[in-house]
Each structure stands twice: as structure tokens, then as C-alpha cells.
Amino acid sequence: MNILIAGGSGILGRALIETLLERGHAVSAFAYNARDFDSMENHPNLSVFGCDVTKRESLRGACDGIALVISCIGITRLSSKLTHMDVDYQGNLNLLREAERAGVT
């Protein structure tokens, strides 16, 4: 199964990636910054990328060919630019809309 882990560089996301790869799934994962995955081992069934969920257009195509989306998105520290509403609500809503557009069931 092709699975997308949104917010995959955090503790929960990394644990999910590891478990899903061990079970033989193909996993795509993204985080705000793709460099957050630099410490992860390369795996033939894992693809990672950077994505800003607060910008709906940056999600375009992220769910194409994906059967299941798991969101671990959540703001970890407040900044002067982003709020919980921006990330936790609007970011997840943007992801949901992209999953619906791509036909993820």
C-alpha cells in the first residue's frame, strides 16, 4: 500500500515510517523542511520531501497515487509568523482537500 505520512520528521511520524516500512509498505513522507529527514536511513520504499502545509499550492500532487494519508502535522513551537490555527487547522484542512482531490479513500 502507498501511504503518505504528513509531518513525518517528528517522533510519531518517524515511528510510523519505521513500522510501515517494516511491514512492506511504500511510504512517502514530508515535513516542513526536507533536511529534517537527513538522519534517517535510506530505504528503497521511502521517499521524503519538504512541504509547507499552510500553502495549499505546495501540497499539489502530494497525494497522487496514495491509498492512505496519516497526518502527524502539528505546530511544535509558536513563531511570530505561524499559529496553531495556521498549522493544526488550516494545514490539515489543506492536506484533506488535496487528498480528496487525488481520490484518496
PDB file of N, CA and C in Angstrom:
ATOM      1  N   MET A   1       0.848  -1.169   0.000  1.00  0.00           N
ATOM      2  CA  MET A   1       0.000   0.000   0.000  1.00  0.00           C
ATOM      3  C   MET A   1       0.896   1.236   0.000  1.00  0.00           C
ATOM      4  N   ASN A   2       0.533   2.257  -0.741  1.00  0.00           N
ATOM      5  CA  ASN A   2       1.239   3.530  -0.752  1.00  0.00           C
ATOM      6  C   ASN A   2       0.632   4.438   0.315  1.00  0.00           C
ATOM      7  N   ILE A   3       1.466   4.827   1.277  1.00  0.00           N
ATOM      8  CA  ILE A   3       0.997   5.595   2.418  1.00  0.00           C
ATOM      9  C   ILE A   3       1.786   6.896   2.518  1.00  0.00           C
ATOM     10  N   LEU A   4       1.077   7.980   2.785  1.00  0.00           N
ATOM     11  CA  LEU A   4       1.708   9.277   2.999  1.00  0.00           C
ATOM     12  C   LEU A   4       1.664   9.625   4.479  1.00  0.00           C
ATOM     13  N   ILE A   5       2.825   9.947   5.036  1.00  0.00           N
ATOM     14  CA  ILE A   5       2.911  10.416   6.414  1.00  0.00           C
ATOM     15  C   ILE A   5       3.206  11.911   6.357  1.00  0.00           C
ATOM     16  N   ALA A   6       2.240  12.704   6.764  1.00  0.00           N
ATOM     17  CA  ALA A   6       2.408  14.161   6.799  1.00  0.00           C
ATOM     18  C   ALA A   6       2.956  14.540   8.160  1.00  0.00           C
ATOM     19  N   GLY A   7       4.009  15.327   8.186  1.00  0.00           N
ATOM     20  CA  GLY A   7       4.664  15.633   9.451  1.00  0.00           C
ATOM     21  C   GLY A   7       5.514  14.460   9.894  1.00  0.00           C
ATOM     22  N   GLY A   8       6.177  13.846   8.943  1.00  0.00           N
ATOM     23  CA  GLY A   8       6.900  12.600   9.205  1.00  0.00           C
ATOM     24  C   GLY A   8       8.217  12.714   9.928  1.00  0.00           C
ATOM     25  N   SER A   9       8.695  13.922  10.201  1.00  0.00           N
ATOM     26  CA  SER A   9      10.002  14.035  10.839  1.00  0.00           C
ATOM     27  C   SER A   9       9.931  14.089  12.364  1.00  0.00           C
ATOM     28  N   GLY A  10       8.745  14.131  12.926  1.00  0.00           N
ATOM     29  CA  GLY A  10       8.594  14.147  14.380  1.00  0.00           C
ATOM     30  C   GLY A  10       8.678  12.749  14.971  1.00  0.00           C
ATOM     31  N   ILE A  11       8.545  12.662  16.268  1.00  0.00           N
ATOM     32  CA  ILE A  11       8.662  11.376  16.967  1.00  0.00           C
ATOM     33  C   ILE A  11       7.616  10.385  16.472  1.00  0.00           C
ATOM     34  N   LEU A  12       6.361  10.794  16.430  1.00  0.00           N
ATOM     35  CA  LEU A  12       5.291   9.906  15.972  1.00  0.00           C
ATOM     36  C   LEU A  12       5.471   9.551  14.497  1.00  0.00           C
ATOM     37  N   GLY A  13       5.753  10.541  13.670  1.00  0.00           N
ATOM     38  CA  GLY A  13       5.923  10.302  12.242  1.00  0.00           C
ATOM     39  C   GLY A  13       7.039   9.310  11.955  1.00  0.00           C
ATOM     40  N   ARG A  14       8.170   9.481  12.610  1.00  0.00           N
ATOM     41  CA  ARG A  14       9.301   8.567  12.401  1.00  0.00           C
ATOM     42  C   ARG A  14       8.964   7.148  12.838  1.00  0.00           C
ATOM     43  N   ALA A  15       8.246   7.015  13.957  1.00  0.00           N
ATOM     44  CA  ALA A  15       7.855   5.676  14.429  1.00  0.00           C
ATOM     45  C   ALA A  15       6.910   5.017  13.426  1.00  0.00           C
ATOM     46  N   LEU A  16       5.984   5.785  12.886  1.00  0.00           N
ATOM     47  CA  LEU A  16       5.068   5.242  11.880  1.00  0.00           C
ATOM     48  C   LEU A  16       5.819   4.826  10.620  1.00  0.00           C
ATOM     49  N   ILE A  17       6.726   5.667  10.162  1.00  0.00           N
ATOM     50  CA  ILE A  17       7.503   5.344   8.966  1.00  0.00           C
ATOM     51  C   ILE A  17       8.237   4.030   9.161  1.00  0.00           C
ATOM     52  N   GLU A  18       8.926   3.902  10.281  1.00  0.00           N
ATOM     53  CA  GLU A  18       9.686   2.684  10.568  1.00  0.00           C
ATOM     54  C   GLU A  18       8.784   1.453  10.569  1.00  0.00           C
ATOM     55  N   THR A  19       7.663   1.542  11.250  1.00  0.00           N
ATOM     56  CA  THR A  19       6.729   0.405  11.338  1.00  0.00           C
ATOM     57  C   THR A  19       6.159   0.049   9.963  1.00  0.00           C
ATOM     58  N   LEU A  20       5.744   1.058   9.199  1.00  0.00           N
ATOM     59  CA  LEU A  20       5.153   0.796   7.887  1.00  0.00           C
ATOM     60  C   LEU A  20       6.166   0.198   6.919  1.00  0.00           C
ATOM     61  N   LEU A  21       7.403   0.677   6.961  1.00  0.00           N
ATOM     62  CA  LEU A  21       8.435   0.104   6.095  1.00  0.00           C
ATOM     63  C   LEU A  21       8.728  -1.341   6.476  1.00  0.00           C
ATOM     64  N   GLU A  22       8.771  -1.620   7.783  1.00  0.00           N
ATOM     65  CA  GLU A  22       8.993  -2.996   8.252  1.00  0.00           C
ATOM     66  C   GLU A  22       7.893  -3.927   7.766  1.00  0.00           C
ATOM     67  N   ARG A  23       6.676  -3.389   7.599  1.00  0.00           N
ATOM     68  CA  ARG A  23       5.551  -4.199   7.142  1.00  0.00           C
ATOM     69  C   ARG A  23       5.442  -4.258   5.620  1.00  0.00           C
ATOM     70  N   GLY A  24       6.401  -3.660   4.918  1.00  0.00           N
ATOM     71  CA  GLY A  24       6.473  -3.784   3.473  1.00  0.00           C
ATOM     72  C   GLY A  24       5.720  -2.735   2.670  1.00  0.00           C
ATOM     73  N   HIS A  25       5.270  -1.674   3.304  1.00  0.00           N
ATOM     74  CA  HIS A  25       4.538  -0.625   2.602  1.00  0.00           C
ATOM     75  C   HIS A  25       5.497   0.351   1.927  1.00  0.00           C
ATOM     76  N   ALA A  26       5.026   0.986   0.881  1.00  0.00           N
ATOM     77  CA  ALA A  26       5.737   2.103   0.265  1.00  0.00           C
ATOM     78  C   ALA A  26       5.290   3.358   1.004  1.00  0.00           C
ATOM     79  N   VAL A  27       6.248   4.157   1.450  1.00  0.00           N
ATOM     80  CA  VAL A  27       5.933   5.318   2.274  1.00  0.00           C
ATOM     81  C   VAL A  27       6.505   6.580   1.649  1.00  0.00           C
ATOM     82  N   SER A  28       5.641   7.580   1.532  1.00  0.00           N
ATOM     83  CA  SER A  28       6.073   8.939   1.221  1.00  0.00           C
ATOM     84  C   SER A  28       5.870   9.731   2.495  1.00  0.00           C
ATOM     85  N   ALA A  29       6.801  10.624   2.765  1.00  0.00           N
ATOM     86  CA  ALA A  29       6.686  11.425   3.987  1.00  0.00           C
ATOM     87  C   ALA A  29       7.169  12.830   3.711  1.00  0.00           C
ATOM     88  N   PHE A  30       6.516  13.781   4.369  1.00  0.00           N
ATOM     89  CA  PHE A  30       7.012  15.137   4.257  1.00  0.00           C
ATOM     90  C   PHE A  30       7.038  15.830   5.602  1.00  0.00           C
ATOM     91  N   ALA A  31       7.872  16.841   5.646  1.00  0.00           N
ATOM     92  CA  ALA A  31       7.988  17.728   6.793  1.00  0.00           C
ATOM     93  C   ALA A  31       8.167  19.129   6.234  1.00  0.00           C
ATOM     94  N   TYR A  32       8.098  20.102   7.083  1.00  0.00           N
ATOM     95  CA  TYR A  32       8.265  21.484   6.634  1.00  0.00           C
ATOM     96  C   TYR A  32       9.597  21.651   5.913  1.00  0.00           C
ATOM     97  N   ASN A  33      10.625  20.983   6.424  1.00  0.00           N
ATOM     98  CA  ASN A  33      11.948  21.067   5.827  1.00  0.00           C
ATOM     99  C   ASN A  33      12.443  19.654   5.525  1.00  0.00           C
ATOM    100  N   ALA A  34      12.757  19.366   4.279  1.00  0.00           N
ATOM    101  CA  ALA A  34      13.207  18.026   3.893  1.00  0.00           C
ATOM    102  C   ALA A  34      14.498  17.629   4.609  1.00  0.00           C
ATOM    103  N   ARG A  35      15.301  18.594   5.033  1.00  0.00           N
ATOM    104  CA  ARG A  35      16.550  18.276   5.747  1.00  0.00           C
ATOM    105  C   ARG A  35      16.277  17.601   7.085  1.00  0.00           C
ATOM    106  N   ASP A  36      15.040  17.702   7.584  1.00  0.00           N
ATOM    107  CA  ASP A  36      14.692  17.030   8.837  1.00  0.00           C
ATOM    108  C   ASP A  36      14.794  15.514   8.718  1.00  0.00           C
ATOM    109  N   PHE A  37      14.858  15.009   7.496  1.00  0.00           N
ATOM    110  CA  PHE A  37      14.955  13.564   7.270  1.00  0.00           C
ATOM    111  C   PHE A  37      16.394  13.110   7.053  1.00  0.00           C
ATOM    112  N   ASP A  38      17.359  14.029   7.082  1.00  0.00           N
ATOM    113  CA  ASP A  38      18.750  13.691   6.774  1.00  0.00           C
ATOM    114  C   ASP A  38      19.310  12.578   7.658  1.00  0.00           C
ATOM    115  N   SER A  39      18.867  12.505   8.899  1.00  0.00           N
ATOM    116  CA  SER A  39      19.402  11.494   9.814  1.00  0.00           C
ATOM    117  C   SER A  39      18.764  10.120   9.633  1.00  0.00           C
ATOM    118  N   MET A  40      17.737  10.026   8.786  1.00  0.00           N
ATOM    119  CA  MET A  40      17.071   8.738   8.573  1.00  0.00           C
ATOM    120  C   MET A  40      17.849   7.910   7.557  1.00  0.00           C
ATOM    121  N   GLU A  41      17.828   6.623   7.752  1.00  0.00           N
ATOM    122  CA  GLU A  41      18.483   5.726   6.810  1.00  0.00           C
ATOM    123  C   GLU A  41      17.721   5.725   5.484  1.00  0.00           C
ATOM    124  N   ASN A  42      18.478   5.597   4.404  1.00  0.00           N
ATOM    125  CA  ASN A  42      17.833   5.459   3.097  1.00  0.00           C
ATOM    126  C   ASN A  42      17.141   4.111   3.029  1.00  0.00           C
ATOM    127  N   HIS A  43      15.983   4.100   2.426  1.00  0.00           N
ATOM    128  CA  HIS A  43      15.221   2.863   2.264  1.00  0.00           C
ATOM    129  C   HIS A  43      14.599   2.902   0.872  1.00  0.00           C
ATOM    130  N   PRO A  44      14.640   1.794   0.148  1.00  0.00           N
ATOM    131  CA  PRO A  44      14.107   1.810  -1.225  1.00  0.00           C
ATOM    132  C   PRO A  44      12.611   2.096  -1.326  1.00  0.00           C
ATOM    133  N   ASN A  45      11.862   1.886  -0.250  1.00  0.00           N
ATOM    134  CA  ASN A  45      10.416   2.119  -0.270  1.00  0.00           C
ATOM    135  C   ASN A  45      10.024   3.428   0.404  1.00  0.00           C
ATOM    136  N   LEU A  46      10.998   4.320   0.620  1.00  0.00           N
ATOM    137  CA  LEU A  46      10.728   5.585   1.292  1.00  0.00           C
ATOM    138  C   LEU A  46      11.140   6.755   0.412  1.00  0.00           C
ATOM    139  N   SER A  47      10.211   7.683   0.239  1.00  0.00           N
ATOM    140  CA  SER A  47      10.550   8.947  -0.423  1.00  0.00           C
ATOM    141  C   SER A  47      10.121  10.078   0.512  1.00  0.00           C
ATOM    142  N   VAL A  48      10.969  11.082   0.618  1.00  0.00           N
ATOM    143  CA  VAL A  48      10.703  12.199   1.533  1.00  0.00           C
ATOM    144  C   VAL A  48      10.827  13.517   0.783  1.00  0.00           C
ATOM    145  N   PHE A  49      10.105  14.510   1.261  1.00  0.00           N
ATOM    146  CA  PHE A  49      10.171  15.821   0.647  1.00  0.00           C
ATOM    147  C   PHE A  49       9.741  16.888   1.648  1.00  0.00           C
ATOM    148  N   GLY A  50      10.058  18.121   1.343  1.00  0.00           N
ATOM    149  CA  GLY A  50       9.650  19.247   2.161  1.00  0.00           C
ATOM    150  C   GLY A  50       8.355  19.835   1.640  1.00  0.00           C
ATOM    151  N   CYS A  51       7.534  20.336   2.540  1.00  0.00           N
ATOM    152  CA  CYS A  51       6.237  20.879   2.146  1.00  0.00           C
ATOM    153  C   CYS A  51       5.720  21.811   3.238  1.00  0.00           C
ATOM    154  N   ASP A  52       5.206  22.947   2.834  1.00  0.00           N
ATOM    155  CA  ASP A  52       4.603  23.895   3.767  1.00  0.00           C
ATOM    156  C   ASP A  52       3.086  23.760   3.654  1.00  0.00           C
ATOM    157  N   VAL A  53       2.469  23.057   4.596  1.00  0.00           N
ATOM    158  CA  VAL A  53       1.036  22.781   4.527  1.00  0.00           C
ATOM    159  C   VAL A  53       0.180  24.032   4.639  1.00  0.00           C
ATOM    160  N   THR A  54       0.759  25.121   5.113  1.00  0.00           N
ATOM    161  CA  THR A  54      -0.016  26.352   5.199  1.00  0.00           C
ATOM    162  C   THR A  54      -0.201  27.000   3.831  1.00  0.00           C
ATOM    163  N   LYS A  55       0.547  26.522   2.861  1.00  0.00           N
ATOM    164  CA  LYS A  55       0.424  27.000   1.479  1.00  0.00           C
ATOM    165  C   LYS A  55      -0.164  25.863   0.641  1.00  0.00           C
ATOM    166  N   ARG A  56      -1.448  25.928   0.387  1.00  0.00           N
ATOM    167  CA  ARG A  56      -2.169  24.840  -0.278  1.00  0.00           C
ATOM    168  C   ARG A  56      -1.499  24.392  -1.571  1.00  0.00           C
ATOM    169  N   GLU A  57      -0.945  25.347  -2.334  1.00  0.00           N
ATOM    170  CA  GLU A  57      -0.333  25.005  -3.611  1.00  0.00           C
ATOM    171  C   GLU A  57       0.914  24.131  -3.442  1.00  0.00           C
ATOM    172  N   SER A  58       1.574  24.179  -2.287  1.00  0.00           N
ATOM    173  CA  SER A  58       2.761  23.346  -2.090  1.00  0.00           C
ATOM    174  C   SER A  58       2.399  21.875  -1.903  1.00  0.00           C
ATOM    175  N   LEU A  59       1.135  21.581  -1.632  1.00  0.00           N
ATOM    176  CA  LEU A  59       0.661  20.200  -1.478  1.00  0.00           C
ATOM    177  C   LEU A  59       0.244  19.569  -2.801  1.00  0.00           C
ATOM    178  N   ARG A  60       0.153  20.373  -3.853  1.00  0.00           N
ATOM    179  CA  ARG A  60      -0.352  19.878  -5.135  1.00  0.00           C
ATOM    180  C   ARG A  60       0.438  18.652  -5.586  1.00  0.00           C
ATOM    181  N   GLY A  61      -0.250  17.541  -5.767  1.00  0.00           N
ATOM    182  CA  GLY A  61       0.365  16.299  -6.222  1.00  0.00           C
ATOM    183  C   GLY A  61       0.894  15.408  -5.115  1.00  0.00           C
ATOM    184  N   ALA A  62       0.928  15.901  -3.882  1.00  0.00           N
ATOM    185  CA  ALA A  62       1.490  15.121  -2.774  1.00  0.00           C
ATOM    186  C   ALA A  62       0.727  13.825  -2.521  1.00  0.00           C
ATOM    187  N   CYS A  63      -0.556  13.797  -2.845  1.00  0.00           N
ATOM    188  CA  CYS A  63      -1.385  12.614  -2.567  1.00  0.00           C
ATOM    189  C   CYS A  63      -1.659  11.770  -3.814  1.00  0.00           C
ATOM    190  N   ASP A  64      -1.097  12.150  -4.935  1.00  0.00           N
ATOM    191  CA  ASP A  64      -1.306  11.365  -6.160  1.00  0.00           C
ATOM    192  C   ASP A  64      -0.728   9.958  -5.979  1.00  0.00           C
ATOM    193  N   GLY A  65      -1.520   8.949  -6.248  1.00  0.00           N
ATOM    194  CA  GLY A  65      -1.082   7.562  -6.117  1.00  0.00           C
ATOM    195  C   GLY A  65      -1.044   7.047  -4.692  1.00  0.00           C
ATOM    196  N   ILE A  66      -1.576   7.798  -3.771  1.00  0.00           N
ATOM    197  CA  ILE A  66      -1.558   7.424  -2.344  1.00  0.00           C
ATOM    198  C   ILE A  66      -2.887   6.777  -1.971  1.00  0.00           C
ATOM    199  N   ALA A  67      -2.807   5.688  -1.203  1.00  0.00           N
ATOM    200  CA  ALA A  67      -4.015   4.993  -0.756  1.00  0.00           C
ATOM    201  C   ALA A  67      -4.464   5.432   0.630  1.00  0.00           C
ATOM    202  N   LEU A  68      -3.524   5.896   1.451  1.00  0.00           N
ATOM    203  CA  LEU A  68      -3.830   6.248   2.831  1.00  0.00           C
ATOM    204  C   LEU A  68      -2.963   7.427   3.247  1.00  0.00           C
ATOM    205  N   VAL A  69      -3.565   8.409   3.894  1.00  0.00           N
ATOM    206  CA  VAL A  69      -2.840   9.563   4.426  1.00  0.00           C
ATOM    207  C   VAL A  69      -2.953   9.546   5.945  1.00  0.00           C
ATOM    208  N   ILE A  70      -1.815   9.678   6.602  1.00  0.00           N
ATOM    209  CA  ILE A  70      -1.789   9.787   8.060  1.00  0.00           C
ATOM    210  C   ILE A  70      -1.140  11.126   8.387  1.00  0.00           C
ATOM    211  N   SER A  71      -1.858  11.960   9.125  1.00  0.00           N
ATOM    212  CA  SER A  71      -1.323  13.266   9.474  1.00  0.00           C
ATOM    213  C   SER A  71      -0.771  13.285  10.888  1.00  0.00           C
ATOM    214  N   CYS A  72       0.479  13.680  10.984  1.00  0.00           N
ATOM    215  CA  CYS A  72       1.137  13.931  12.273  1.00  0.00           C
ATOM    216  C   CYS A  72       1.495  15.412  12.346  1.00  0.00           C
ATOM    217  N   ILE A  73       0.787  16.211  11.566  1.00  0.00           N
ATOM    218  CA  ILE A  73       1.059  17.638  11.490  1.00  0.00           C
ATOM    219  C   ILE A  73       0.608  18.324  12.773  1.00  0.00           C
ATOM    220  N   GLY A  74       1.460  19.150  13.285  1.00  0.00           N
ATOM    221  CA  GLY A  74       1.115  19.950  14.453  1.00  0.00           C
ATOM    222  C   GLY A  74       2.228  20.924  14.736  1.00  0.00           C
ATOM    223  N   ILE A  75       1.859  22.105  15.121  1.00  0.00           N
ATOM    224  CA  ILE A  75       2.870  23.118  15.417  1.00  0.00           C
ATOM    225  C   ILE A  75       3.590  22.719  16.704  1.00  0.00           C
ATOM    226  N   THR A  76       4.903  22.800  16.686  1.00  0.00           N
ATOM    227  CA  THR A  76       5.680  22.399  17.860  1.00  0.00           C
ATOM    228  C   THR A  76       6.169  23.599  18.649  1.00  0.00           C
ATOM    229  N   ARG A  77       6.288  24.728  17.987  1.00  0.00           N
ATOM    230  CA  ARG A  77       6.684  25.950  18.692  1.00  0.00           C
ATOM    231  C   ARG A  77       6.051  27.140  17.979  1.00  0.00           C
ATOM    232  N   LEU A  78       5.598  28.065  18.762  1.00  0.00           N
ATOM    233  CA  LEU A  78       4.969  29.249  18.186  1.00  0.00           C
ATOM    234  C   LEU A  78       6.028  30.190  17.639  1.00  0.00           C
ATOM    235  N   SER A  79       5.724  30.781  16.520  1.00  0.00           N
ATOM    236  CA  SER A  79       6.603  31.801  15.942  1.00  0.00           C
ATOM    237  C   SER A  79       5.758  33.039  15.707  1.00  0.00           C
ATOM    238  N   SER A  80       6.416  34.081  15.320  1.00  0.00           N
ATOM    239  CA  SER A  80       5.667  35.301  15.042  1.00  0.00           C
ATOM    240  C   SER A  80       4.870  35.180  13.752  1.00  0.00           C
ATOM    241  N   LYS A  81       5.182  34.163  12.948  1.00  0.00           N
ATOM    242  CA  LYS A  81       4.518  34.010  11.652  1.00  0.00           C
ATOM    243  C   LYS A  81       3.357  33.016  11.668  1.00  0.00           C
ATOM    244  N   LEU A  82       3.513  31.909  12.370  1.00  0.00           N
ATOM    245  CA  LEU A  82       2.523  30.833  12.309  1.00  0.00           C
ATOM    246  C   LEU A  82       1.864  30.592  13.656  1.00  0.00           C
ATOM    247  N   THR A  83       0.586  30.262  13.606  1.00  0.00           N
ATOM    248  CA  THR A  83      -0.188  29.954  14.811  1.00  0.00           C
ATOM    249  C   THR A  83      -0.709  28.523  14.717  1.00  0.00           C
ATOM    250  N   HIS A  84      -1.310  28.050  15.804  1.00  0.00           N
ATOM    251  CA  HIS A  84      -1.949  26.731  15.787  1.00  0.00           C
ATOM    252  C   HIS A  84      -3.050  26.698  14.724  1.00  0.00           C
ATOM    253  N   MET A  85      -3.758  27.782  14.576  1.00  0.00           N
ATOM    254  CA  MET A  85      -4.818  27.838  13.567  1.00  0.00           C
ATOM    255  C   MET A  85      -4.237  27.675  12.164  1.00  0.00           C
ATOM    256  N   ASP A  86      -3.092  28.295  11.910  1.00  0.00           N
ATOM    257  CA  ASP A  86      -2.444  28.191  10.597  1.00  0.00           C
ATOM    258  C   ASP A  86      -2.018  26.758  10.281  1.00  0.00           C
ATOM    259  N   VAL A  87      -1.392  26.112  11.243  1.00  0.00           N
ATOM    260  CA  VAL A  87      -0.794  24.794  11.004  1.00  0.00           C
ATOM    261  C   VAL A  87      -1.758  23.664  11.341  1.00  0.00           C
ATOM    262  N   ASP A  88      -2.209  23.604  12.595  1.00  0.00           N
ATOM    263  CA  ASP A  88      -3.024  22.480  13.054  1.00  0.00           C
ATOM    264  C   ASP A  88      -4.379  22.414  12.357  1.00  0.00           C
ATOM    265  N   TYR A  89      -4.979  23.566  12.142  1.00  0.00           N
ATOM    266  CA  TYR A  89      -6.278  23.577  11.482  1.00  0.00           C
ATOM    267  C   TYR A  89      -6.141  23.727   9.968  1.00  0.00           C
ATOM    268  N   GLN A  90      -5.656  24.881   9.520  1.00  0.00           N
ATOM    269  CA  GLN A  90      -5.642  25.146   8.085  1.00  0.00           C
ATOM    270  C   GLN A  90      -4.700  24.199   7.334  1.00  0.00           C
ATOM    271  N   GLY A  91      -3.566  23.876   7.917  1.00  0.00           N
ATOM    272  CA  GLY A  91      -2.635  22.950   7.274  1.00  0.00           C
ATOM    273  C   GLY A  91      -3.255  21.578   7.070  1.00  0.00           C
ATOM    274  N   ASN A  92      -3.923  21.062   8.105  1.00  0.00           N
ATOM    275  CA  ASN A  92      -4.583  19.764   7.970  1.00  0.00           C
ATOM    276  C   ASN A  92      -5.771  19.832   7.021  1.00  0.00           C
ATOM    277  N   LEU A  93      -6.487  20.945   7.015  1.00  0.00           N
ATOM    278  CA  LEU A  93      -7.575  21.110   6.059  1.00  0.00           C
ATOM    279  C   LEU A  93      -7.047  21.146   4.624  1.00  0.00           C
ATOM    280  N   ASN A  94      -5.932  21.836   4.410  1.00  0.00           N
ATOM    281  CA  ASN A  94      -5.315  21.856   3.081  1.00  0.00           C
ATOM    282  C   ASN A  94      -4.929  20.446   2.641  1.00  0.00           C
ATOM    283  N   LEU A  95      -4.374  19.672   3.573  1.00  0.00           N
ATOM    284  CA  LEU A  95      -3.995  18.291   3.277  1.00  0.00           C
ATOM    285  C   LEU A  95      -5.231  17.451   2.953  1.00  0.00           C
ATOM    286  N   LEU A  96      -6.283  17.605   3.730  1.00  0.00           N
ATOM    287  CA  LEU A  96      -7.529  16.880   3.470  1.00  0.00           C
ATOM    288  C   LEU A  96      -8.065  17.197   2.076  1.00  0.00           C
ATOM    289  N   ARG A  97      -8.080  18.458   1.718  1.00  0.00           N
ATOM    290  CA  ARG A  97      -8.583  18.855   0.391  1.00  0.00           C
ATOM    291  C   ARG A  97      -7.728  18.267  -0.726  1.00  0.00           C
ATOM    292  N   GLU A  98      -6.420  18.224  -0.529  1.00  0.00           N
ATOM    293  CA  GLU A  98      -5.542  17.629  -1.550  1.00  0.00           C
ATOM    294  C   GLU A  98      -5.778  16.127  -1.637  1.00  0.00           C
ATOM    295  N   ALA A  99      -5.979  15.469  -0.505  1.00  0.00           N
ATOM    296  CA  ALA A  99      -6.268  14.024  -0.513  1.00  0.00           C
ATOM    297  C   ALA A  99      -7.585  13.757  -1.233  1.00  0.00           C
ATOM    298  N   GLU A 100      -8.578  14.574  -0.978  1.00  0.00           N
ATOM    299  CA  GLU A 100      -9.872  14.422  -1.678  1.00  0.00           C
ATOM    300  C   GLU A 100      -9.703  14.644  -3.182  1.00  0.00           C
ATOM    301  N   ARG A 101      -8.942  15.678  -3.566  1.00  0.00           N
ATOM    302  CA  ARG A 101      -8.707  15.954  -4.977  1.00  0.00           C
ATOM    303  C   ARG A 101      -8.049  14.755  -5.663  1.00  0.00           C
ATOM    304  N   ALA A 102      -7.109  14.113  -4.944  1.00  0.00           N
ATOM    305  CA  ALA A 102      -6.372  12.988  -5.515  1.00  0.00           C
ATOM    306  C   ALA A 102      -7.154  11.678  -5.466  1.00  0.00           C
ATOM    307  N   GLY A 103      -8.309  11.671  -4.801  1.00  0.00           N
ATOM    308  CA  GLY A 103      -9.121  10.467  -4.727  1.00  0.00           C
ATOM    309  C   GLY A 103      -8.687   9.472  -3.656  1.00  0.00           C
ATOM    310  N   VAL A 104      -7.981   9.951  -2.649  1.00  0.00           N
ATOM    311  CA  VAL A 104      -7.604   9.069  -1.543  1.00  0.00           C
ATOM    312  C   VAL A 104      -8.877   8.682  -0.812  1.00  0.00           C
ATOM    313  N   THR A 105      -9.058   7.391  -0.592  1.00  0.00           N
ATOM    314  CA  THR A 105     -10.277   6.914   0.055  1.00  0.00           C
ATOM    315  C   THR A 105     -10.143   6.877   1.559  1.00  0.00           C
TER     316      THR A 105
END
